[in-house]
Amino acid sequence: MEFFGISGGEFFIILIVAVIVLGPEAIISALRGLRKAVDSAKGFSARVREETTADLQGAGLADLDLSALDMRDLDPRQMIREAVHEEMEAWMKQTNALNQKKN
């Protein structure tokens, strides 16, 4: 299992180096701080989820099914590529039509 691209063995080595550098007392307080940060992030996520659910229910969208939504279709880079491609094709058609009239 990887977490942020770090495997279990790598995490263990990082932990050993941290204990050597920081010392056992400092590593314990650092782990407590990390635990508080994780708990705070989980609490924030839960609050945002509850507020979003309440907002969706208030707007009458609680039964909205987003499972078919493909977020890749909303990629701005892809949208720009498609728009540029469409414009280039339009220019090419116009240019080809003018060239055919000349010949």
PDB file of N, CA and C in Angstrom:
ATOM      1  N   MET A   1       0.840  -1.182   0.000  1.00  0.00           N
ATOM      2  CA  MET A   1       0.000   0.000   0.000  1.00  0.00           C
ATOM      3  C   MET A   1       0.876   1.233   0.000  1.00  0.00           C
ATOM      4  N   GLU A   2       0.537   2.197  -0.855  1.00  0.00           N
ATOM      5  CA  GLU A   2       1.305   3.425  -0.934  1.00  0.00           C
ATOM      6  C   GLU A   2       0.479   4.601  -0.457  1.00  0.00           C
ATOM      7  N   PHE A   3       1.145   5.536   0.178  1.00  0.00           N
ATOM      8  CA  PHE A   3       0.517   6.754   0.664  1.00  0.00           C
ATOM      9  C   PHE A   3       1.417   7.902   0.241  1.00  0.00           C
ATOM     10  N   PHE A   4       0.922   8.781  -0.631  1.00  0.00           N
ATOM     11  CA  PHE A   4       1.717   9.854  -1.205  1.00  0.00           C
ATOM     12  C   PHE A   4       2.947   9.321  -1.922  1.00  0.00           C
ATOM     13  N   GLY A   5       2.829   8.145  -2.528  1.00  0.00           N
ATOM     14  CA  GLY A   5       3.932   7.563  -3.272  1.00  0.00           C
ATOM     15  C   GLY A   5       4.997   6.929  -2.398  1.00  0.00           C
ATOM     16  N   ILE A   6       4.708   6.729  -1.128  1.00  0.00           N
ATOM     17  CA  ILE A   6       5.679   6.139  -0.198  1.00  0.00           C
ATOM     18  C   ILE A   6       5.174   4.757   0.200  1.00  0.00           C
ATOM     19  N   SER A   7       5.997   3.747  -0.028  1.00  0.00           N
ATOM     20  CA  SER A   7       5.600   2.392   0.344  1.00  0.00           C
ATOM     21  C   SER A   7       5.822   2.179   1.842  1.00  0.00           C
ATOM     22  N   GLY A   8       5.376   1.037   2.328  1.00  0.00           N
ATOM     23  CA  GLY A   8       5.513   0.734   3.754  1.00  0.00           C
ATOM     24  C   GLY A   8       6.966   0.689   4.213  1.00  0.00           C
ATOM     25  N   GLY A   9       7.833   0.079   3.406  1.00  0.00           N
ATOM     26  CA  GLY A   9       9.260   0.001   3.753  1.00  0.00           C
ATOM     27  C   GLY A   9       9.913   1.368   3.791  1.00  0.00           C
ATOM     28  N   GLU A  10       9.589   2.204   2.816  1.00  0.00           N
ATOM     29  CA  GLU A  10      10.149   3.557   2.790  1.00  0.00           C
ATOM     30  C   GLU A  10       9.669   4.363   3.992  1.00  0.00           C
ATOM     31  N   PHE A  11       8.394   4.212   4.341  1.00  0.00           N
ATOM     32  CA  PHE A  11       7.860   4.918   5.504  1.00  0.00           C
ATOM     33  C   PHE A  11       8.593   4.477   6.770  1.00  0.00           C
ATOM     34  N   PHE A  12       8.855   3.192   6.892  1.00  0.00           N
ATOM     35  CA  PHE A  12       9.561   2.668   8.066  1.00  0.00           C
ATOM     36  C   PHE A  12      10.962   3.259   8.156  1.00  0.00           C
ATOM     37  N   ILE A  13      11.661   3.362   7.046  1.00  0.00           N
ATOM     38  CA  ILE A  13      13.012   3.942   7.042  1.00  0.00           C
ATOM     39  C   ILE A  13      12.939   5.421   7.428  1.00  0.00           C
ATOM     40  N   ILE A  14      11.953   6.144   6.883  1.00  0.00           N
ATOM     41  CA  ILE A  14      11.789   7.558   7.234  1.00  0.00           C
ATOM     42  C   ILE A  14      11.510   7.700   8.721  1.00  0.00           C
ATOM     43  N   LEU A  15      10.696   6.824   9.266  1.00  0.00           N
ATOM     44  CA  LEU A  15      10.378   6.853  10.689  1.00  0.00           C
ATOM     45  C   LEU A  15      11.629   6.618  11.538  1.00  0.00           C
ATOM     46  N   ILE A  16      12.456   5.663  11.154  1.00  0.00           N
ATOM     47  CA  ILE A  16      13.698   5.380  11.902  1.00  0.00           C
ATOM     48  C   ILE A  16      14.627   6.593  11.858  1.00  0.00           C
ATOM     49  N   VAL A  17      14.786   7.197  10.685  1.00  0.00           N
ATOM     50  CA  VAL A  17      15.649   8.380  10.563  1.00  0.00           C
ATOM     51  C   VAL A  17      15.088   9.518  11.410  1.00  0.00           C
ATOM     52  N   ALA A  18      13.758   9.692  11.409  1.00  0.00           N
ATOM     53  CA  ALA A  18      13.140  10.745  12.214  1.00  0.00           C
ATOM     54  C   ALA A  18      13.393  10.522  13.695  1.00  0.00           C
ATOM     55  N   VAL A  19      13.307   9.271  14.159  1.00  0.00           N
ATOM     56  CA  VAL A  19      13.563   8.974  15.575  1.00  0.00           C
ATOM     57  C   VAL A  19      15.009   9.289  15.922  1.00  0.00           C
ATOM     58  N   ILE A  20      15.932   8.961  15.014  1.00  0.00           N
ATOM     59  CA  ILE A  20      17.353   9.231  15.275  1.00  0.00           C
ATOM     60  C   ILE A  20      17.612  10.733  15.303  1.00  0.00           C
ATOM     61  N   VAL A  21      17.034  11.478  14.359  1.00  0.00           N
ATOM     62  CA  VAL A  21      17.294  12.916  14.258  1.00  0.00           C
ATOM     63  C   VAL A  21      16.562  13.689  15.352  1.00  0.00           C
ATOM     64  N   LEU A  22      15.286  13.400  15.547  1.00  0.00           N
ATOM     65  CA  LEU A  22      14.485  14.171  16.493  1.00  0.00           C
ATOM     66  C   LEU A  22      14.561  13.649  17.925  1.00  0.00           C
ATOM     67  N   GLY A  23      14.762  12.395  18.062  1.00  0.00           N
ATOM     68  CA  GLY A  23      14.735  11.788  19.382  1.00  0.00           C
ATOM     69  C   GLY A  23      13.351  11.246  19.679  1.00  0.00           C
ATOM     70  N   PRO A  24      13.253  10.307  20.609  1.00  0.00           N
ATOM     71  CA  PRO A  24      11.978   9.651  20.877  1.00  0.00           C
ATOM     72  C   PRO A  24      10.893  10.596  21.417  1.00  0.00           C
ATOM     73  N   GLU A  25      11.270  11.562  22.263  1.00  0.00           N
ATOM     74  CA  GLU A  25      10.272  12.450  22.835  1.00  0.00           C
ATOM     75  C   GLU A  25       9.688  13.373  21.769  1.00  0.00           C
ATOM     76  N   ALA A  26      10.554  13.918  20.922  1.00  0.00           N
ATOM     77  CA  ALA A  26      10.099  14.844  19.885  1.00  0.00           C
ATOM     78  C   ALA A  26       9.258  14.116  18.838  1.00  0.00           C
ATOM     79  N   ILE A  27       9.609  12.880  18.537  1.00  0.00           N
ATOM     80  CA  ILE A  27       8.838  12.135  17.533  1.00  0.00           C
ATOM     81  C   ILE A  27       7.431  11.843  18.050  1.00  0.00           C
ATOM     82  N   ILE A  28       7.309  11.595  19.341  1.00  0.00           N
ATOM     83  CA  ILE A  28       5.980  11.346  19.917  1.00  0.00           C
ATOM     84  C   ILE A  28       5.114  12.594  19.817  1.00  0.00           C
ATOM     85  N   SER A  29       5.679  13.753  20.156  1.00  0.00           N
ATOM     86  CA  SER A  29       4.892  14.979  20.048  1.00  0.00           C
ATOM     87  C   SER A  29       4.600  15.308  18.583  1.00  0.00           C
ATOM     88  N   ALA A  30       5.518  14.998  17.677  1.00  0.00           N
ATOM     89  CA  ALA A  30       5.280  15.217  16.251  1.00  0.00           C
ATOM     90  C   ALA A  30       4.150  14.320  15.756  1.00  0.00           C
ATOM     91  N   LEU A  31       4.120  13.065  16.207  1.00  0.00           N
ATOM     92  CA  LEU A  31       3.043  12.149  15.815  1.00  0.00           C
ATOM     93  C   LEU A  31       1.708  12.605  16.385  1.00  0.00           C
ATOM     94  N   ARG A  32       1.722  13.151  17.603  1.00  0.00           N
ATOM     95  CA  ARG A  32       0.484  13.692  18.182  1.00  0.00           C
ATOM     96  C   ARG A  32      -0.012  14.878  17.358  1.00  0.00           C
ATOM     97  N   GLY A  33       0.906  15.735  16.958  1.00  0.00           N
ATOM     98  CA  GLY A  33       0.539  16.872  16.109  1.00  0.00           C
ATOM     99  C   GLY A  33      -0.011  16.426  14.763  1.00  0.00           C
ATOM    100  N   LEU A  34       0.607  15.394  14.199  1.00  0.00           N
ATOM    101  CA  LEU A  34       0.121  14.841  12.935  1.00  0.00           C
ATOM    102  C   LEU A  34      -1.276  14.274  13.107  1.00  0.00           C
ATOM    103  N   ARG A  35      -1.500  13.600  14.222  1.00  0.00           N
ATOM    104  CA  ARG A  35      -2.820  13.027  14.503  1.00  0.00           C
ATOM    105  C   ARG A  35      -3.874  14.136  14.632  1.00  0.00           C
ATOM    106  N   LYS A  36      -3.516  15.230  15.315  1.00  0.00           N
ATOM    107  CA  LYS A  36      -4.445  16.353  15.447  1.00  0.00           C
ATOM    108  C   LYS A  36      -4.762  16.956  14.080  1.00  0.00           C
ATOM    109  N   ALA A  37      -3.749  17.068  13.223  1.00  0.00           N
ATOM    110  CA  ALA A  37      -3.953  17.630  11.890  1.00  0.00           C
ATOM    111  C   ALA A  37      -4.864  16.735  11.056  1.00  0.00           C
ATOM    112  N   VAL A  38      -4.654  15.425  11.140  1.00  0.00           N
ATOM    113  CA  VAL A  38      -5.491  14.481  10.397  1.00  0.00           C
ATOM    114  C   VAL A  38      -6.925  14.538  10.910  1.00  0.00           C
ATOM    115  N   ASP A  39      -7.098  14.572  12.232  1.00  0.00           N
ATOM    116  CA  ASP A  39      -8.450  14.671  12.805  1.00  0.00           C
ATOM    117  C   ASP A  39      -9.134  15.975  12.393  1.00  0.00           C
ATOM    118  N   SER A  40      -8.380  17.060  12.381  1.00  0.00           N
ATOM    119  CA  SER A  40      -8.923  18.342  11.965  1.00  0.00           C
ATOM    120  C   SER A  40      -9.352  18.302  10.498  1.00  0.00           C
ATOM    121  N   ALA A  41      -8.535  17.704   9.637  1.00  0.00           N
ATOM    122  CA  ALA A  41      -8.869  17.580   8.216  1.00  0.00           C
ATOM    123  C   ALA A  41     -10.108  16.714   8.024  1.00  0.00           C
ATOM    124  N   LYS A  42     -10.224  15.634   8.788  1.00  0.00           N
ATOM    125  CA  LYS A  42     -11.399  14.774   8.689  1.00  0.00           C
ATOM    126  C   LYS A  42     -12.649  15.521   9.144  1.00  0.00           C
ATOM    127  N   GLY A  43     -12.530  16.295  10.213  1.00  0.00           N
ATOM    128  CA  GLY A  43     -13.659  17.086  10.697  1.00  0.00           C
ATOM    129  C   GLY A  43     -14.087  18.134   9.673  1.00  0.00           C
ATOM    130  N   PHE A  44     -13.105  18.796   9.051  1.00  0.00           N
ATOM    131  CA  PHE A  44     -13.404  19.788   8.027  1.00  0.00           C
ATOM    132  C   PHE A  44     -14.121  19.139   6.852  1.00  0.00           C
ATOM    133  N   SER A  45     -13.628  17.985   6.423  1.00  0.00           N
ATOM    134  CA  SER A  45     -14.242  17.260   5.307  1.00  0.00           C
ATOM    135  C   SER A  45     -15.681  16.862   5.646  1.00  0.00           C
ATOM    136  N   ALA A  46     -15.900  16.405   6.865  1.00  0.00           N
ATOM    137  CA  ALA A  46     -17.246  16.010   7.281  1.00  0.00           C
ATOM    138  C   ALA A  46     -18.192  17.211   7.289  1.00  0.00           C
ATOM    139  N   ARG A  47     -17.701  18.371   7.768  1.00  0.00           N
ATOM    140  CA  ARG A  47     -18.538  19.573   7.785  1.00  0.00           C
ATOM    141  C   ARG A  47     -18.895  20.028   6.371  1.00  0.00           C
ATOM    142  N   VAL A  48     -17.916  20.005   5.484  1.00  0.00           N
ATOM    143  CA  VAL A  48     -18.174  20.404   4.095  1.00  0.00           C
ATOM    144  C   VAL A  48     -19.172  19.446   3.451  1.00  0.00           C
ATOM    145  N   ARG A  49     -19.020  18.154   3.702  1.00  0.00           N
ATOM    146  CA  ARG A  49     -19.951  17.159   3.150  1.00  0.00           C
ATOM    147  C   ARG A  49     -21.365  17.398   3.670  1.00  0.00           C
ATOM    148  N   GLU A  50     -21.505  17.674   4.974  1.00  0.00           N
ATOM    149  CA  GLU A  50     -22.829  17.940   5.548  1.00  0.00           C
ATOM    150  C   GLU A  50     -23.445  19.208   4.974  1.00  0.00           C
ATOM    151  N   GLU A  51     -22.644  20.267   4.836  1.00  0.00           N
ATOM    152  CA  GLU A  51     -23.152  21.517   4.274  1.00  0.00           C
ATOM    153  C   GLU A  51     -23.565  21.334   2.821  1.00  0.00           C
ATOM    154  N   THR A  52     -22.783  20.586   2.067  1.00  0.00           N
ATOM    155  CA  THR A  52     -23.108  20.331   0.666  1.00  0.00           C
ATOM    156  C   THR A  52     -24.393  19.539   0.547  1.00  0.00           C
ATOM    157  N   THR A  53     -24.546  18.533   1.393  1.00  0.00           N
ATOM    158  CA  THR A  53     -25.775  17.736   1.381  1.00  0.00           C
ATOM    159  C   THR A  53     -26.976  18.605   1.721  1.00  0.00           C
ATOM    160  N   ALA A  54     -26.835  19.464   2.725  1.00  0.00           N
ATOM    161  CA  ALA A  54     -27.936  20.358   3.107  1.00  0.00           C
ATOM    162  C   ALA A  54     -28.262  21.336   1.985  1.00  0.00           C
ATOM    163  N   ASP A  55     -27.240  21.873   1.315  1.00  0.00           N
ATOM    164  CA  ASP A  55     -27.464  22.796   0.210  1.00  0.00           C
ATOM    165  C   ASP A  55     -28.160  22.103  -0.959  1.00  0.00           C
ATOM    166  N   LEU A  56     -27.744  20.874  -1.262  1.00  0.00           N
ATOM    167  CA  LEU A  56     -28.372  20.124  -2.348  1.00  0.00           C
ATOM    168  C   LEU A  56     -29.832  19.822  -2.033  1.00  0.00           C
ATOM    169  N   GLN A  57     -30.100  19.479  -0.770  1.00  0.00           N
ATOM    170  CA  GLN A  57     -31.483  19.205  -0.380  1.00  0.00           C
ATOM    171  C   GLN A  57     -32.318  20.478  -0.451  1.00  0.00           C
ATOM    172  N   GLY A  58     -31.738  21.596  -0.051  1.00  0.00           N
ATOM    173  CA  GLY A  58     -32.443  22.871  -0.100  1.00  0.00           C
ATOM    174  C   GLY A  58     -32.760  23.298  -1.527  1.00  0.00           C
ATOM    175  N   ALA A  59     -31.896  22.920  -2.464  1.00  0.00           N
ATOM    176  CA  ALA A  59     -32.111  23.273  -3.870  1.00  0.00           C
ATOM    177  C   ALA A  59     -32.933  22.216  -4.599  1.00  0.00           C
ATOM    178  N   GLY A  60     -33.328  21.164  -3.891  1.00  0.00           N
ATOM    179  CA  GLY A  60     -34.116  20.098  -4.518  1.00  0.00           C
ATOM    180  C   GLY A  60     -33.290  19.172  -5.382  1.00  0.00           C
ATOM    181  N   LEU A  61     -31.999  19.128  -5.151  1.00  0.00           N
ATOM    182  CA  LEU A  61     -31.106  18.297  -5.967  1.00  0.00           C
ATOM    183  C   LEU A  61     -30.528  17.123  -5.185  1.00  0.00           C
ATOM    184  N   ALA A  62     -31.171  16.722  -4.107  1.00  0.00           N
ATOM    185  CA  ALA A  62     -30.628  15.657  -3.259  1.00  0.00           C
ATOM    186  C   ALA A  62     -30.552  14.332  -3.991  1.00  0.00           C
ATOM    187  N   ASP A  63     -31.451  14.102  -4.954  1.00  0.00           N
ATOM    188  CA  ASP A  63     -31.464  12.835  -5.672  1.00  0.00           C
ATOM    189  C   ASP A  63     -30.670  12.895  -6.968  1.00  0.00           C
ATOM    190  N   LEU A  64     -29.860  13.918  -7.143  1.00  0.00           N
ATOM    191  CA  LEU A  64     -29.067  14.084  -8.355  1.00  0.00           C
ATOM    192  C   LEU A  64     -28.033  12.982  -8.462  1.00  0.00           C
ATOM    193  N   ASP A  65     -28.004  12.288  -9.607  1.00  0.00           N
ATOM    194  CA  ASP A  65     -27.057  11.194  -9.832  1.00  0.00           C
ATOM    195  C   ASP A  65     -25.907  11.704 -10.684  1.00  0.00           C
ATOM    196  N   LEU A  66     -24.736  11.811 -10.081  1.00  0.00           N
ATOM    197  CA  LEU A  66     -23.556  12.305 -10.784  1.00  0.00           C
ATOM    198  C   LEU A  66     -22.614  11.176 -11.208  1.00  0.00           C
ATOM    199  N   SER A  67     -23.059   9.935 -11.091  1.00  0.00           N
ATOM    200  CA  SER A  67     -22.184   8.813 -11.406  1.00  0.00           C
ATOM    201  C   SER A  67     -21.829   8.768 -12.890  1.00  0.00           C
ATOM    202  N   ALA A  68     -22.690   9.286 -13.747  1.00  0.00           N
ATOM    203  CA  ALA A  68     -22.418   9.263 -15.187  1.00  0.00           C
ATOM    204  C   ALA A  68     -21.542  10.441 -15.620  1.00  0.00           C
ATOM    205  N   LEU A  69     -21.279  11.378 -14.728  1.00  0.00           N
ATOM    206  CA  LEU A  69     -20.484  12.549 -15.060  1.00  0.00           C
ATOM    207  C   LEU A  69     -19.014  12.161 -15.179  1.00  0.00           C
ATOM    208  N   ASP A  70     -18.433  12.458 -16.322  1.00  0.00           N
ATOM    209  CA  ASP A  70     -17.018  12.174 -16.548  1.00  0.00           C
ATOM    210  C   ASP A  70     -16.252  13.490 -16.436  1.00  0.00           C
ATOM    211  N   MET A  71     -15.469  13.631 -15.385  1.00  0.00           N
ATOM    212  CA  MET A  71     -14.758  14.881 -15.131  1.00  0.00           C
ATOM    213  C   MET A  71     -13.722  15.186 -16.214  1.00  0.00           C
ATOM    214  N   ARG A  72     -13.290  14.174 -16.953  1.00  0.00           N
ATOM    215  CA  ARG A  72     -12.318  14.421 -18.023  1.00  0.00           C
ATOM    216  C   ARG A  72     -12.925  15.280 -19.126  1.00  0.00           C
ATOM    217  N   ASP A  73     -14.257  15.240 -19.263  1.00  0.00           N
ATOM    218  CA  ASP A  73     -14.912  16.080 -20.252  1.00  0.00           C
ATOM    219  C   ASP A  73     -14.869  17.553 -19.858  1.00  0.00           C
ATOM    220  N   LEU A  74     -14.598  17.828 -18.597  1.00  0.00           N
ATOM    221  CA  LEU A  74     -14.572  19.200 -18.100  1.00  0.00           C
ATOM    222  C   LEU A  74     -13.153  19.751 -17.965  1.00  0.00           C
ATOM    223  N   ASP A  75     -12.191  19.067 -18.569  1.00  0.00           N
ATOM    224  CA  ASP A  75     -10.798  19.495 -18.510  1.00  0.00           C
ATOM    225  C   ASP A  75     -10.620  20.743 -19.384  1.00  0.00           C
ATOM    226  N   PRO A  76     -10.237  21.888 -18.805  1.00  0.00           N
ATOM    227  CA  PRO A  76     -10.114  23.112 -19.600  1.00  0.00           C
ATOM    228  C   PRO A  76      -9.096  22.982 -20.728  1.00  0.00           C
ATOM    229  N   ARG A  77      -8.044  22.218 -20.512  1.00  0.00           N
ATOM    230  CA  ARG A  77      -7.051  22.053 -21.577  1.00  0.00           C
ATOM    231  C   ARG A  77      -7.669  21.364 -22.785  1.00  0.00           C
ATOM    232  N   GLN A  78      -8.484  20.339 -22.521  1.00  0.00           N
ATOM    233  CA  GLN A  78      -9.141  19.631 -23.611  1.00  0.00           C
ATOM    234  C   GLN A  78     -10.149  20.535 -24.308  1.00  0.00           C
ATOM    235  N   MET A  79     -10.872  21.343 -23.551  1.00  0.00           N
ATOM    236  CA  MET A  79     -11.835  22.271 -24.145  1.00  0.00           C
ATOM    237  C   MET A  79     -11.135  23.246 -25.086  1.00  0.00           C
ATOM    238  N   ILE A  80      -9.990  23.762 -24.660  1.00  0.00           N
ATOM    239  CA  ILE A  80      -9.231  24.713 -25.481  1.00  0.00           C
ATOM    240  C   ILE A  80      -8.717  24.023 -26.737  1.00  0.00           C
ATOM    241  N   ARG A  81      -8.176  22.798 -26.579  1.00  0.00           N
ATOM    242  CA  ARG A  81      -7.702  22.049 -27.747  1.00  0.00           C
ATOM    243  C   ARG A  81      -8.810  21.854 -28.771  1.00  0.00           C
ATOM    244  N   GLU A  82      -9.983  21.468 -28.300  1.00  0.00           N
ATOM    245  CA  GLU A  82     -11.108  21.234 -29.204  1.00  0.00           C
ATOM    246  C   GLU A  82     -11.538  22.529 -29.890  1.00  0.00           C
ATOM    247  N   ALA A  83     -11.583  23.633 -29.152  1.00  0.00           N
ATOM    248  CA  ALA A  83     -11.981  24.915 -29.744  1.00  0.00           C
ATOM    249  C   ALA A  83     -10.969  25.365 -30.793  1.00  0.00           C
ATOM    250  N   VAL A  84      -9.682  25.227 -30.491  1.00  0.00           N
ATOM    251  CA  VAL A  84      -8.644  25.608 -31.448  1.00  0.00           C
ATOM    252  C   VAL A  84      -8.721  24.708 -32.681  1.00  0.00           C
ATOM    253  N   HIS A  85      -8.930  23.417 -32.462  1.00  0.00           N
ATOM    254  CA  HIS A  85      -9.034  22.473 -33.575  1.00  0.00           C
ATOM    255  C   HIS A  85     -10.213  22.825 -34.484  1.00  0.00           C
ATOM    256  N   GLU A  86     -11.357  23.154 -33.889  1.00  0.00           N
ATOM    257  CA  GLU A  86     -12.531  23.536 -34.678  1.00  0.00           C
ATOM    258  C   GLU A  86     -12.258  24.795 -35.485  1.00  0.00           C
ATOM    259  N   GLU A  87     -11.604  25.783 -34.882  1.00  0.00           N
ATOM    260  CA  GLU A  87     -11.282  27.017 -35.596  1.00  0.00           C
ATOM    261  C   GLU A  87     -10.291  26.759 -36.718  1.00  0.00           C
ATOM    262  N   MET A  88      -9.309  25.909 -36.473  1.00  0.00           N
ATOM    263  CA  MET A  88      -8.333  25.583 -37.514  1.00  0.00           C
ATOM    264  C   MET A  88      -9.011  24.887 -38.688  1.00  0.00           C
ATOM    265  N   GLU A  89      -9.937  23.989 -38.402  1.00  0.00           N
ATOM    266  CA  GLU A  89     -10.663  23.314 -39.476  1.00  0.00           C
ATOM    267  C   GLU A  89     -11.494  24.310 -40.277  1.00  0.00           C
ATOM    268  N   ALA A  90     -12.132  25.259 -39.596  1.00  0.00           N
ATOM    269  CA  ALA A  90     -12.924  26.276 -40.290  1.00  0.00           C
ATOM    270  C   ALA A  90     -12.034  27.125 -41.191  1.00  0.00           C
ATOM    271  N   TRP A  91     -10.864  27.511 -40.703  1.00  0.00           N
ATOM    272  CA  TRP A  91      -9.927  28.290 -41.515  1.00  0.00           C
ATOM    273  C   TRP A  91      -9.440  27.485 -42.711  1.00  0.00           C
ATOM    274  N   MET A  92      -9.176  26.213 -42.492  1.00  0.00           N
ATOM    275  CA  MET A  92      -8.705  25.355 -43.584  1.00  0.00           C
ATOM    276  C   MET A  92      -9.782  25.220 -44.663  1.00  0.00           C
ATOM    277  N   LYS A  93     -11.037  25.043 -44.269  1.00  0.00           N
ATOM    278  CA  LYS A  93     -12.140  24.937 -45.237  1.00  0.00           C
ATOM    279  C   LYS A  93     -12.264  26.227 -46.034  1.00  0.00           C
ATOM    280  N   GLN A  94     -12.177  27.371 -45.322  1.00  0.00           N
ATOM    281  CA  GLN A  94     -12.292  28.655 -45.996  1.00  0.00           C
ATOM    282  C   GLN A  94     -11.124  28.860 -46.962  1.00  0.00           C
ATOM    283  N   THR A  95      -9.927  28.512 -46.537  1.00  0.00           N
ATOM    284  CA  THR A  95      -8.749  28.665 -47.384  1.00  0.00           C
ATOM    285  C   THR A  95      -8.836  27.749 -48.592  1.00  0.00           C
ATOM    286  N   ASN A  96      -9.260  26.509 -48.401  1.00  0.00           N
ATOM    287  CA  ASN A  96      -9.391  25.569 -49.513  1.00  0.00           C
ATOM    288  C   ASN A  96     -10.439  26.051 -50.506  1.00  0.00           C
ATOM    289  N   ALA A  97     -11.545  26.625 -50.007  1.00  0.00           N
ATOM    290  CA  ALA A  97     -12.587  27.137 -50.894  1.00  0.00           C
ATOM    291  C   ALA A  97     -12.050  28.294 -51.732  1.00  0.00           C
ATOM    292  N   LEU A  98     -11.259  29.178 -51.125  1.00  0.00           N
ATOM    293  CA  LEU A  98     -10.678  30.301 -51.875  1.00  0.00           C
ATOM    294  C   LEU A  98      -9.669  29.798 -52.910  1.00  0.00           C
ATOM    295  N   ASN A  99      -8.889  28.794 -52.553  1.00  0.00           N
ATOM    296  CA  ASN A  99      -7.916  28.239 -53.502  1.00  0.00           C
ATOM    297  C   ASN A  99      -8.606  27.576 -54.686  1.00  0.00           C
ATOM    298  N   GLN A 100      -9.728  26.923 -54.448  1.00  0.00           N
ATOM    299  CA  GLN A 100     -10.457  26.259 -55.523  1.00  0.00           C
ATOM    300  C   GLN A 100     -11.076  27.290 -56.462  1.00  0.00           C
ATOM    301  N   LYS A 101     -11.505  28.442 -55.942  1.00  0.00           N
ATOM    302  CA  LYS A 101     -12.068  29.490 -56.775  1.00  0.00           C
ATOM    303  C   LYS A 101     -11.003  30.099 -57.685  1.00  0.00           C
ATOM    304  N   LYS A 102      -9.769  30.198 -57.185  1.00  0.00           N
ATOM    305  CA  LYS A 102      -8.673  30.758 -57.966  1.00  0.00           C
ATOM    306  C   LYS A 102      -8.308  29.841 -59.120  1.00  0.00           C
ATOM    307  N   ASN A 103      -8.389  28.525 -58.895  1.00  0.00           N
ATOM    308  CA  ASN A 103      -7.981  27.567 -59.938  1.00  0.00           C
ATOM    309  C   ASN A 103      -9.097  27.392 -60.882  1.00  0.00           C
TER     310      ASN A 103
END
